[in-house]
C-alpha atoms as a PDB file:
ATOM      1  CA  MET A   1       6.233  10.082  20.306  1.00  0.00           C
ATOM      2  CA  SER A   2       9.244   7.813  21.107  1.00  0.00           C
ATOM      3  CA  THR A   3      11.160   5.995  18.093  1.00  0.00           C
ATOM      4  CA  ALA A   4      10.192   1.946  17.853  1.00  0.00           C
ATOM      5  CA  SER A   5      12.681  -0.152  18.547  1.00  0.00           C
ATOM      6  CA  GLY A   6      11.401  -3.085  16.173  1.00  0.00           C
ATOM      7  CA  ALA A   7      11.737  -2.846  12.929  1.00  0.00           C
ATOM      8  CA  LEU A   8       8.893  -2.765  10.099  1.00  0.00           C
ATOM      9  CA  VAL A   9       8.943  -5.467   7.832  1.00  0.00           C
ATOM     10  CA  VAL A  10       6.915  -5.108   4.535  1.00  0.00           C
ATOM     11  CA  VAL A  11       5.444  -8.137   2.670  1.00  0.00           C
ATOM     12  CA  GLY A  12       4.549  -6.691  -1.186  1.00  0.00           C
ATOM     13  CA  ASP A  13       5.457  -5.466  -4.959  1.00  0.00           C
ATOM     14  CA  VAL A  14       8.012  -3.687  -6.598  1.00  0.00           C
ATOM     15  CA  VAL A  15       7.056  -2.368  -9.553  1.00  0.00           C
ATOM     16  CA  THR A  16       8.501   0.231 -12.461  1.00  0.00           C
ATOM     17  CA  ASP A  17       6.010   3.258 -12.795  1.00  0.00           C
ATOM     18  CA  VAL A  18       5.734   4.922 -16.316  1.00  0.00           C
ATOM     19  CA  VAL A  19       3.786   7.797 -15.284  1.00  0.00           C
ATOM     20  CA  ALA A  20       2.241  10.202 -17.585  1.00  0.00           C
ATOM     21  CA  VAL A  21       0.863  13.319 -16.833  1.00  0.00           C
ATOM     22  CA  HIS A  22      -1.669  14.451 -19.762  1.00  0.00           C
ATOM     23  CA  PRO A  23      -2.335  18.147 -19.004  1.00  0.00           C
ATOM     24  CA  GLY A  24      -5.357  17.523 -21.532  1.00  0.00           C
ATOM     25  CA  PRO A  25      -8.039  14.775 -22.366  1.00  0.00           C
ATOM     26  CA  LEU A  26      -6.563  11.836 -24.350  1.00  0.00           C
ATOM     27  CA  ALA A  27      -7.266  11.539 -28.070  1.00  0.00           C
ATOM     28  CA  PRO A  28      -7.433   8.393 -30.014  1.00  0.00           C
ATOM     29  CA  ALA A  29      -5.576   7.402 -32.811  1.00  0.00           C
ATOM     30  CA  THR A  30      -3.331  10.577 -32.480  1.00  0.00           C
ATOM     31  CA  ASP A  31      -0.629  12.125 -30.372  1.00  0.00           C
ATOM     32  CA  THR A  32      -1.802  13.337 -26.798  1.00  0.00           C
ATOM     33  CA  VAL A  33       1.332  16.091 -25.059  1.00  0.00           C
ATOM     34  CA  ALA A  34       2.175  14.368 -22.165  1.00  0.00           C
ATOM     35  CA  ARG A  35       4.904  14.750 -19.221  1.00  0.00           C
ATOM     36  CA  ILE A  36       6.327  11.178 -18.895  1.00  0.00           C
ATOM     37  CA  ARG A  37       8.925   9.736 -16.518  1.00  0.00           C
ATOM     38  CA  THR A  38       9.802   5.705 -15.456  1.00  0.00           C
ATOM     39  CA  LEU A  39       9.805   6.068 -11.992  1.00  0.00           C
ATOM     40  CA  PRO A  40      10.900   3.179  -8.839  1.00  0.00           C
ATOM     41  CA  GLY A  41       7.275   2.222  -7.485  1.00  0.00           C
ATOM     42  CA  GLY A  42       4.734  -0.696  -6.684  1.00  0.00           C
ATOM     43  CA  ALA A  43       2.506  -0.045  -3.283  1.00  0.00           C
ATOM     44  CA  GLY A  44       4.505  -2.221  -0.794  1.00  0.00           C
ATOM     45  CA  ALA A  45       7.807  -0.627  -2.207  1.00  0.00           C
ATOM     46  CA  ASN A  46       6.218   2.910  -1.779  1.00  0.00           C
ATOM     47  CA  ALA A  47       4.913   2.425   1.657  1.00  0.00           C
ATOM     48  CA  ALA A  48       8.156   0.986   3.324  1.00  0.00           C
ATOM     49  CA  CYS A  49       9.809   3.788   1.536  1.00  0.00           C
ATOM     50  CA  TRP A  50       7.599   6.552   3.216  1.00  0.00           C
ATOM     51  CA  ALA A  51       7.413   4.500   5.998  1.00  0.00           C
ATOM     52  CA  ALA A  52      11.450   4.626   6.615  1.00  0.00           C
ATOM     53  CA  ARG A  53      10.650   8.733   5.557  1.00  0.00           C
ATOM     54  CA  THR A  54       8.459   9.391   8.765  1.00  0.00           C
ATOM     55  CA  GLY A  55      10.627   7.949  11.069  1.00  0.00           C
ATOM     56  CA  ALA A  56      10.415   4.204  11.172  1.00  0.00           C
ATOM     57  CA  ALA A  57      13.796   3.211  12.358  1.00  0.00           C
ATOM     58  CA  GLU A  58      14.154   0.261  10.415  1.00  0.00           C
ATOM     59  CA  VAL A  59      12.010  -1.128   7.268  1.00  0.00           C
ATOM     60  CA  ARG A  60      12.593  -4.387   5.648  1.00  0.00           C
ATOM     61  CA  LEU A  61      10.840  -5.286   2.446  1.00  0.00           C
ATOM     62  CA  LEU A  62      10.111  -8.564   0.990  1.00  0.00           C
ATOM     63  CA  ALA A  63       9.447  -8.273  -3.169  1.00  0.00           C
ATOM     64  CA  ARG A  64      10.143 -10.016  -6.418  1.00  0.00           C
ATOM     65  CA  VAL A  65      11.880  -8.524  -9.508  1.00  0.00           C
ATOM     66  CA  GLY A  66      12.901  -9.226 -12.784  1.00  0.00           C
ATOM     67  CA  SER A  67      16.876  -9.175 -13.412  1.00  0.00           C
ATOM     68  CA  GLU A  68      16.861  -6.786 -15.981  1.00  0.00           C
ATOM     69  CA  SER A  69      15.733  -3.527 -13.059  1.00  0.00           C
ATOM     70  CA  ALA A  70      16.989  -5.865 -10.158  1.00  0.00           C
ATOM     71  CA  ARG A  71      19.769  -3.445  -9.146  1.00  0.00           C
ATOM     72  CA  TRP A  72      18.266  -0.397 -10.099  1.00  0.00           C
ATOM     73  CA  HIS A  73      15.154  -1.248  -7.876  1.00  0.00           C
ATOM     74  CA  GLU A  74      17.163  -2.405  -5.508  1.00  0.00           C
ATOM     75  CA  ARG A  75      19.693   0.977  -5.399  1.00  0.00           C
ATOM     76  CA  ALA A  76      16.507   3.174  -4.931  1.00  0.00           C
ATOM     77  CA  LEU A  77      15.436   1.222  -2.035  1.00  0.00           C
ATOM     78  CA  VAL A  78      18.604   1.597   0.108  1.00  0.00           C
ATOM     79  CA  ASP A  79      19.152   5.176  -1.130  1.00  0.00           C
ATOM     80  CA  ALA A  80      15.520   5.958   0.557  1.00  0.00           C
ATOM     81  CA  GLY A  81      16.124   3.956   4.048  1.00  0.00           C
ATOM     82  CA  VAL A  82      14.872   0.800   3.104  1.00  0.00           C
ATOM     83  CA  ARG A  83      16.460  -2.187   3.943  1.00  0.00           C
ATOM     84  CA  PRO A  84      15.410  -4.835   0.607  1.00  0.00           C
ATOM     85  CA  ARG A  85      15.313  -8.336   0.245  1.00  0.00           C
ATOM     86  CA  LEU A  86      14.522  -9.054  -3.888  1.00  0.00           C
ATOM     87  CA  VAL A  87      14.144 -12.230  -4.920  1.00  0.00           C
ATOM     88  CA  VAL A  88      15.143 -11.970  -8.962  1.00  0.00           C
ATOM     89  CA  ASP A  89      12.876 -14.024 -11.182  1.00  0.00           C
ATOM     90  CA  PRO A  90      14.256 -16.358 -13.059  1.00  0.00           C
ATOM     91  CA  ALA A  91      11.551 -16.005 -15.979  1.00  0.00           C
ATOM     92  CA  GLU A  92       9.680 -12.702 -16.157  1.00  0.00           C
ATOM     93  CA  PRO A  93      10.412  -8.761 -15.840  1.00  0.00           C
ATOM     94  CA  THR A  94       9.829  -6.582 -13.121  1.00  0.00           C
ATOM     95  CA  GLY A  95       5.683  -5.040 -13.031  1.00  0.00           C
ATOM     96  CA  THR A  96       5.712  -2.476 -14.944  1.00  0.00           C
ATOM     97  CA  VAL A  97       2.013  -0.029 -14.163  1.00  0.00           C
ATOM     98  CA  VAL A  98       1.272   3.040 -16.914  1.00  0.00           C
ATOM     99  CA  ALA A  99      -0.019   5.742 -14.389  1.00  0.00           C
ATOM    100  CA  LEU A 100      -2.099   7.961 -16.490  1.00  0.00           C
ATOM    101  CA  VAL A 101      -2.538  10.870 -14.540  1.00  0.00           C
ATOM    102  CA  GLY A 102      -4.876  13.902 -15.570  1.00  0.00           C
ATOM    103  CA  ASP A 103      -5.245  17.726 -14.771  1.00  0.00           C
ATOM    104  CA  ASP A 104      -7.225  16.930 -11.533  1.00  0.00           C
ATOM    105  CA  ALA A 105      -4.472  15.308 -10.419  1.00  0.00           C
ATOM    106  CA  GLU A 106      -6.270  11.531 -10.750  1.00  0.00           C
ATOM    107  CA  ARG A 107      -4.758   8.352 -12.297  1.00  0.00           C
ATOM    108  CA  THR A 108      -5.531   5.266 -14.174  1.00  0.00           C
ATOM    109  CA  PHE A 109      -3.820   2.322 -13.914  1.00  0.00           C
ATOM    110  CA  LEU A 110      -2.404  -0.143 -16.747  1.00  0.00           C
ATOM    111  CA  THR A 111      -0.657  -2.835 -14.831  1.00  0.00           C
ATOM    112  CA  ASP A 112       1.639  -6.088 -15.820  1.00  0.00           C
ATOM    113  CA  SER A 113       1.843  -7.647 -12.474  1.00  0.00           C
ATOM    114  CA  GLY A 114       5.165  -9.718 -14.455  1.00  0.00           C
ATOM    115  CA  ALA A 115       7.374 -10.567 -11.417  1.00  0.00           C
ATOM    116  CA  SER A 116       5.681  -9.059  -8.496  1.00  0.00           C
ATOM    117  CA  LEU A 117       2.870 -11.722  -7.775  1.00  0.00           C
ATOM    118  CA  ARG A 118       5.169 -14.428  -8.239  1.00  0.00           C
ATOM    119  CA  LEU A 119       6.260 -14.486  -4.543  1.00  0.00           C
ATOM    120  CA  CYS A 120       5.736 -17.784  -3.399  1.00  0.00           C
ATOM    121  CA  PRO A 121       6.268 -19.418  -0.182  1.00  0.00           C
ATOM    122  CA  ALA A 122       9.638 -20.571  -0.453  1.00  0.00           C
ATOM    123  CA  ASP A 123      10.480 -16.933  -0.975  1.00  0.00           C
ATOM    124  CA  TRP A 124       9.634 -16.286   2.599  1.00  0.00           C
ATOM    125  CA  ALA A 125      12.685 -16.312   5.534  1.00  0.00           C
ATOM    126  CA  PRO A 126      11.758 -16.614   9.138  1.00  0.00           C
ATOM    127  CA  ALA A 127      14.173 -14.238   9.702  1.00  0.00           C
ATOM    128  CA  LEU A 128      12.296 -11.554   8.135  1.00  0.00           C
ATOM    129  CA  LEU A 129      10.436 -11.463  11.593  1.00  0.00           C
ATOM    130  CA  ASP A 130      13.467 -11.245  14.020  1.00  0.00           C
ATOM    131  CA  ASP A 131      12.563  -8.217  16.251  1.00  0.00           C
ATOM    132  CA  ALA A 132      10.060  -7.101  14.312  1.00  0.00           C
ATOM    133  CA  ALA A 133       7.655  -4.507  15.847  1.00  0.00           C
ATOM    134  CA  HIS A 134       4.954  -5.282  12.365  1.00  0.00           C
ATOM    135  CA  LEU A 135       3.903  -7.250   9.676  1.00  0.00           C
ATOM    136  CA  HIS A 136       2.281  -4.843   6.686  1.00  0.00           C
ATOM    137  CA  LEU A 137       0.479  -6.995   3.586  1.00  0.00           C
ATOM    138  CA  SER A 138       0.469  -5.249   0.115  1.00  0.00           C
ATOM    139  CA  GLY A 139      -3.219  -6.176  -0.493  1.00  0.00           C
ATOM    140  CA  TYR A 140      -2.150  -6.556  -4.055  1.00  0.00           C
ATOM    141  CA  LEU A 141      -0.181 -10.069  -2.928  1.00  0.00           C
ATOM    142  CA  PHE A 142      -3.843 -11.768  -2.648  1.00  0.00           C
ATOM    143  CA  PHE A 143      -4.597 -11.680  -5.913  1.00  0.00           C
ATOM    144  CA  ALA A 144      -2.538 -14.690  -7.369  1.00  0.00           C
ATOM    145  CA  ASP A 145      -2.568 -17.842  -6.306  1.00  0.00           C
ATOM    146  CA  CYS A 146       1.629 -18.192  -5.342  1.00  0.00           C
ATOM    147  CA  SER A 147       1.694 -14.631  -3.636  1.00  0.00           C
ATOM    148  CA  ARG A 148      -1.831 -15.160  -1.569  1.00  0.00           C
ATOM    149  CA  GLU A 149       0.385 -18.612  -0.207  1.00  0.00           C
ATOM    150  CA  LEU A 150       2.851 -16.328   0.486  1.00  0.00           C
ATOM    151  CA  ALA A 151       0.940 -14.141   2.333  1.00  0.00           C
ATOM    152  CA  LEU A 152      -0.625 -16.578   4.322  1.00  0.00           C
ATOM    153  CA  VAL A 153       2.898 -17.671   5.330  1.00  0.00           C
ATOM    154  CA  ALA A 154       3.992 -14.721   6.211  1.00  0.00           C
ATOM    155  CA  LEU A 155       0.661 -13.646   8.036  1.00  0.00           C
ATOM    156  CA  ARG A 156       0.767 -17.035   9.937  1.00  0.00           C
ATOM    157  CA  ALA A 157       4.513 -16.409  11.103  1.00  0.00           C
ATOM    158  CA  ALA A 158       3.397 -13.067  12.460  1.00  0.00           C
ATOM    159  CA  ARG A 159       0.890 -14.123  14.471  1.00  0.00           C
ATOM    160  CA  THR A 160       2.947 -16.960  16.037  1.00  0.00           C
ATOM    161  CA  ARG A 161       5.369 -14.592  17.409  1.00  0.00           C
ATOM    162  CA  GLY A 162       2.792 -12.163  18.366  1.00  0.00           C
ATOM    163  CA  VAL A 163       3.444  -9.395  15.307  1.00  0.00           C
ATOM    164  CA  PRO A 164       0.798  -7.039  14.252  1.00  0.00           C
ATOM    165  CA  VAL A 165      -0.626  -7.590  11.349  1.00  0.00           C
ATOM    166  CA  SER A 166      -2.081  -4.729   8.248  1.00  0.00           C
ATOM    167  CA  VAL A 167      -2.910  -5.264   5.069  1.00  0.00           C
ATOM    168  CA  ASP A 168      -3.783  -2.524   2.508  1.00  0.00           C
ATOM    169  CA  PRO A 169      -6.375  -4.195   0.038  1.00  0.00           C
ATOM    170  CA  ALA A 170      -4.761  -2.128  -2.570  1.00  0.00           C
ATOM    171  CA  SER A 171      -7.400  -2.307  -5.467  1.00  0.00           C
ATOM    172  CA  ALA A 172     -11.153  -2.194  -5.868  1.00  0.00           C
ATOM    173  CA  GLY A 173     -10.622  -3.926  -9.990  1.00  0.00           C
ATOM    174  CA  PHE A 174      -8.964  -7.076  -8.324  1.00  0.00           C
ATOM    175  CA  LEU A 175     -10.735  -6.631  -5.312  1.00  0.00           C
ATOM    176  CA  ALA A 176     -13.945  -7.433  -7.454  1.00  0.00           C
ATOM    177  CA  VAL A 177     -12.793 -10.375  -9.646  1.00  0.00           C
ATOM    178  CA  LEU A 178     -11.322 -12.247  -6.661  1.00  0.00           C
ATOM    179  CA  GLY A 179     -14.578 -11.269  -4.699  1.00  0.00           C
ATOM    180  CA  PRO A 180     -14.762  -9.428  -1.482  1.00  0.00           C
ATOM    181  CA  GLU A 181     -15.617 -12.540   0.983  1.00  0.00           C
ATOM    182  CA  ARG A 182     -12.368 -14.251  -0.287  1.00  0.00           C
ATOM    183  CA  PHE A 183     -10.104 -11.612   0.732  1.00  0.00           C
ATOM    184  CA  LEU A 184     -11.586 -11.493   4.268  1.00  0.00           C
ATOM    185  CA  ALA A 185     -11.208 -14.916   5.267  1.00  0.00           C
ATOM    186  CA  ALA A 186      -7.511 -14.532   3.573  1.00  0.00           C
ATOM    187  CA  VAL A 187      -6.430 -11.579   5.655  1.00  0.00           C
ATOM    188  CA  ALA A 188      -8.419 -13.304   9.062  1.00  0.00           C
ATOM    189  CA  GLY A 189      -6.139 -12.130  12.232  1.00  0.00           C
ATOM    190  CA  ALA A 190      -4.818  -9.351  10.553  1.00  0.00           C
ATOM    191  CA  GLY A 191      -5.327  -6.763  13.045  1.00  0.00           C
ATOM    192  CA  VAL A 192      -5.099  -3.424  11.141  1.00  0.00           C
ATOM    193  CA  LEU A 193      -7.098  -3.252   7.659  1.00  0.00           C
ATOM    194  CA  LEU A 194      -6.622   0.033   5.409  1.00  0.00           C
ATOM    195  CA  PRO A 195      -8.812   0.539   2.846  1.00  0.00           C
ATOM    196  CA  ASN A 196      -9.605   3.639   0.596  1.00  0.00           C
ATOM    197  CA  GLU A 197     -13.082   4.454  -0.052  1.00  0.00           C
ATOM    198  CA  ASP A 198     -14.056   2.118  -2.937  1.00  0.00           C
ATOM    199  CA  GLU A 199     -12.653  -0.582  -1.795  1.00  0.00           C
ATOM    200  CA  ALA A 200     -14.432  -0.086   1.628  1.00  0.00           C
ATOM    201  CA  ARG A 201     -17.718  -0.613   0.036  1.00  0.00           C
ATOM    202  CA  LEU A 202     -16.900  -3.161  -1.989  1.00  0.00           C
ATOM    203  CA  LEU A 203     -15.579  -5.032   0.933  1.00  0.00           C
ATOM    204  CA  ALA A 204     -18.549  -4.467   3.252  1.00  0.00           C
ATOM    205  CA  GLY A 205     -20.715  -5.192   0.607  1.00  0.00           C
ATOM    206  CA  LEU A 206     -22.521  -2.244   0.592  1.00  0.00           C
ATOM    207  CA  PRO A 207     -23.866  -0.306  -2.619  1.00  0.00           C
ATOM    208  CA  GLU A 208     -22.208   2.837  -4.228  1.00  0.00           C
ATOM    209  CA  PRO A 209     -24.499   5.570  -2.266  1.00  0.00           C
ATOM    210  CA  ALA A 210     -23.684   3.689   0.834  1.00  0.00           C
ATOM    211  CA  GLY A 211     -22.338   5.580   3.223  1.00  0.00           C
ATOM    212  CA  VAL A 212     -18.371   5.205   3.919  1.00  0.00           C
ATOM    213  CA  ALA A 213     -18.453   5.165   7.604  1.00  0.00           C
ATOM    214  CA  ARG A 214     -20.935   2.452   7.515  1.00  0.00           C
ATOM    215  CA  ALA A 215     -18.609   0.465   5.336  1.00  0.00           C
ATOM    216  CA  ALA A 216     -16.065   1.309   7.643  1.00  0.00           C
ATOM    217  CA  VAL A 217     -18.055   0.220  10.663  1.00  0.00           C
ATOM    218  CA  GLU A 218     -19.181  -3.263   9.104  1.00  0.00           C
ATOM    219  CA  LEU A 219     -15.422  -3.649   8.386  1.00  0.00           C
ATOM    220  CA  SER A 220     -14.050  -3.039  12.155  1.00  0.00           C
ATOM    221  CA  ARG A 221     -16.384  -6.198  13.327  1.00  0.00           C
ATOM    222  CA  ARG A 222     -14.083  -8.268  10.840  1.00  0.00           C
ATOM    223  CA  VAL A 223     -10.354  -6.340  11.624  1.00  0.00           C
ATOM    224  CA  PRO A 224     -10.113  -4.482  15.128  1.00  0.00           C
ATOM    225  CA  LEU A 225      -9.080  -1.186  13.156  1.00  0.00           C
ATOM    226  CA  VAL A 226     -10.192   0.222  10.122  1.00  0.00           C
ATOM    227  CA  VAL A 227      -8.434   3.313   8.876  1.00  0.00           C
ATOM    228  CA  VAL A 228     -10.261   4.433   5.168  1.00  0.00           C
ATOM    229  CA  THR A 229      -8.610   7.092   3.767  1.00  0.00           C
ATOM    230  CA  ARG A 230     -10.804   9.848   1.264  1.00  0.00           C
ATOM    231  CA  GLY A 231      -8.610  11.655  -0.826  1.00  0.00           C
ATOM    232  CA  THR A 232      -8.905  15.165  -0.253  1.00  0.00           C
ATOM    233  CA  GLY A 233     -11.950  14.357   2.429  1.00  0.00           C
ATOM    234  CA  GLY A 234      -9.453  12.715   5.216  1.00  0.00           C
ATOM    235  CA  ALA A 235      -9.914   9.376   6.760  1.00  0.00           C
ATOM    236  CA  LEU A 236     -11.594   7.863   9.197  1.00  0.00           C
ATOM    237  CA  VAL A 237     -10.947   5.583  11.961  1.00  0.00           C
ATOM    238  CA  ALA A 238     -13.637   2.416  13.210  1.00  0.00           C
ATOM    239  CA  GLU A 239     -12.479   0.081  15.902  1.00  0.00           C
ATOM    240  CA  HIS A 240     -14.691  -2.350  17.163  1.00  0.00           C
ATOM    241  CA  GLY A 241     -18.217  -1.769  15.463  1.00  0.00           C
ATOM    242  CA  ARG A 242     -17.825   2.248  15.783  1.00  0.00           C
ATOM    243  CA  ILE A 243     -16.251   5.439  14.197  1.00  0.00           C
ATOM    244  CA  THR A 244     -13.794   6.644  16.722  1.00  0.00           C
ATOM    245  CA  ALA A 245     -12.128   9.242  14.626  1.00  0.00           C
ATOM    246  CA  GLU A 246     -12.373  11.567  11.463  1.00  0.00           C
ATOM    247  CA  VAL A 247      -9.200  13.137  10.311  1.00  0.00           C
ATOM    248  CA  ASP A 248      -8.929  16.199   8.157  1.00  0.00           C
ATOM    249  CA  ALA A 249      -6.687  15.943   5.008  1.00  0.00           C
ATOM    250  CA  GLU A 250      -4.229  17.994   4.890  1.00  0.00           C
ATOM    251  CA  PRO A 251      -4.181  20.687   2.336  1.00  0.00           C
ATOM    252  CA  ALA A 252      -1.948  20.047  -0.828  1.00  0.00           C
ATOM    253  CA  GLU A 253      -1.615  21.169  -4.231  1.00  0.00           C
ATOM    254  CA  ALA A 254      -1.818  18.007  -5.921  1.00  0.00           C
ATOM    255  CA  VAL A 255       0.197  17.138  -9.270  1.00  0.00           C
ATOM    256  CA  ASP A 256       0.155  13.402  -9.150  1.00  0.00           C
ATOM    257  CA  SER A 257      -2.164  11.106  -6.784  1.00  0.00           C
ATOM    258  CA  THR A 258      -0.123   8.090  -7.383  1.00  0.00           C
ATOM    259  CA  GLY A 259       1.298   6.204  -3.906  1.00  0.00           C
ATOM    260  CA  ALA A 260      -1.108   8.302  -2.418  1.00  0.00           C
ATOM    261  CA  GLY A 261      -2.265   5.846  -0.395  1.00  0.00           C
ATOM    262  CA  ASP A 262       1.297   4.168  -0.314  1.00  0.00           C
ATOM    263  CA  ALA A 263       1.700   7.596   1.935  1.00  0.00           C
ATOM    264  CA  PHE A 264      -0.461   7.594   3.773  1.00  0.00           C
ATOM    265  CA  THR A 265      -0.184   3.875   4.587  1.00  0.00           C
ATOM    266  CA  GLY A 266       3.720   4.581   5.618  1.00  0.00           C
ATOM    267  CA  GLY A 267       3.179   7.415   7.300  1.00  0.00           C
ATOM    268  CA  PHE A 268       0.609   6.036   9.427  1.00  0.00           C
ATOM    269  CA  LEU A 269       2.633   2.630  10.046  1.00  0.00           C
ATOM    270  CA  SER A 270       5.581   4.691  11.172  1.00  0.00           C
ATOM    271  CA  ALA A 271       3.333   6.736  13.566  1.00  0.00           C
ATOM    272  CA  ARG A 272       1.793   3.810  15.407  1.00  0.00           C
ATOM    273  CA  LEU A 273       5.464   2.433  15.374  1.00  0.00           C
ATOM    274  CA  ALA A 274       6.297   5.556  17.429  1.00  0.00           C
ATOM    275  CA  GLY A 275       3.366   4.999  19.930  1.00  0.00           C
ATOM    276  CA  ALA A 276       0.446   7.247  18.177  1.00  0.00           C
ATOM    277  CA  THR A 277      -3.141   6.320  18.752  1.00  0.00           C
ATOM    278  CA  PRO A 278      -5.584   5.815  15.686  1.00  0.00           C
ATOM    279  CA  ALA A 279      -6.061   8.849  15.241  1.00  0.00           C
ATOM    280  CA  GLU A 280      -2.827  10.686  15.587  1.00  0.00           C
ATOM    281  CA  ALA A 281      -1.376   8.297  13.233  1.00  0.00           C
ATOM    282  CA  ALA A 282      -4.026   8.686  10.403  1.00  0.00           C
ATOM    283  CA  ARG A 283      -3.429  12.338  10.934  1.00  0.00           C
ATOM    284  CA  ALA A 284       0.277  11.326  10.665  1.00  0.00           C
ATOM    285  CA  GLY A 285      -0.657   9.269   7.452  1.00  0.00           C
ATOM    286  CA  CYS A 286      -2.394  12.693   5.891  1.00  0.00           C
ATOM    287  CA  ARG A 287       0.307  14.855   6.236  1.00  0.00           C
ATOM    288  CA  THR A 288       2.611  12.400   4.210  1.00  0.00           C
ATOM    289  CA  ALA A 289      -0.580  11.457   1.552  1.00  0.00           C
ATOM    290  CA  ALA A 290       0.032  15.501   1.466  1.00  0.00           C
ATOM    291  CA  LEU A 291       3.555  15.212   0.402  1.00  0.00           C
ATOM    292  CA  ALA A 292       3.491  12.659  -1.968  1.00  0.00           C
ATOM    293  CA  VAL A 293       0.295  14.121  -4.351  1.00  0.00           C
ATOM    294  CA  THR A 294       2.821  17.516  -5.006  1.00  0.00           C
ATOM    295  CA  HIS A 295       5.055  15.671  -7.227  1.00  0.00           C
ATOM    296  CA  LEU A 296       5.269  13.106  -9.883  1.00  0.00           C
ATOM    297  CA  GLY A 297       5.159   8.980  -8.747  1.00  0.00           C
ATOM    298  CA  GLY A 298       4.331   7.541  -5.430  1.00  0.00           C
ATOM    299  CA  ARG A 299       8.022   7.652  -3.325  1.00  0.00           C
ATOM    300  CA  PRO A 300       9.235  10.257  -0.932  1.00  0.00           C
END
């Protein structure tokens, strides 16, 4: 595969992750021993960094942060090979996520979106799409009014220029509050949807026991290419109403699953930009996710 000549543009979130890995169960009303690290994170930023790590020639990121950590986040993104356009919010601090990671490497998030969902149409710059080959939108943008307006501005601008668009739904919990139909209506025009199993079932309107393959098929009638991540179950690829590939997960010694889906997205998009088929790109995404779970945090 050759390297794509156009840029990958990511619009999404930059947050500060506080990752707490606790080998035993949480003990209410007293201390629980944990290993705690403060790290740069955010679904959009993580995906951008993994795309740069896996070969995307140029990755741009638009996000909003607080003044207290703007320089730290900008430096971390530049060091990862990403060209950031960080808008400094005058009122709110950078978003913060506390990730509680158990001994099974699964994580539970406590989320304070802070500045990240205060992105607004005024933050958009048409030049972001100059020489762009692809636009990726973090689903978190769709869960607040002003950032949803910004996402729609970016999506419409990309479609006008003929730039393909992908969306990661990001959060089953937030999707349930917004409503699946409202979310799908907002992302109409995107060419790629990258949900996990829970998000896929929710968006397809299927109950929990329903097969994820059925959910992928249903969603691919709304969005042409749907790639459902399944953790240790790998990924399913559905196109135009049928399953076209089932990809196995790569074996890994999991330490922290924080950002594994973002890593999959970054690896997938980088491979697609280099000319990979959807199935090949899904395999690349699984390889990248396997790397991500072997260390703390969601970045390379």
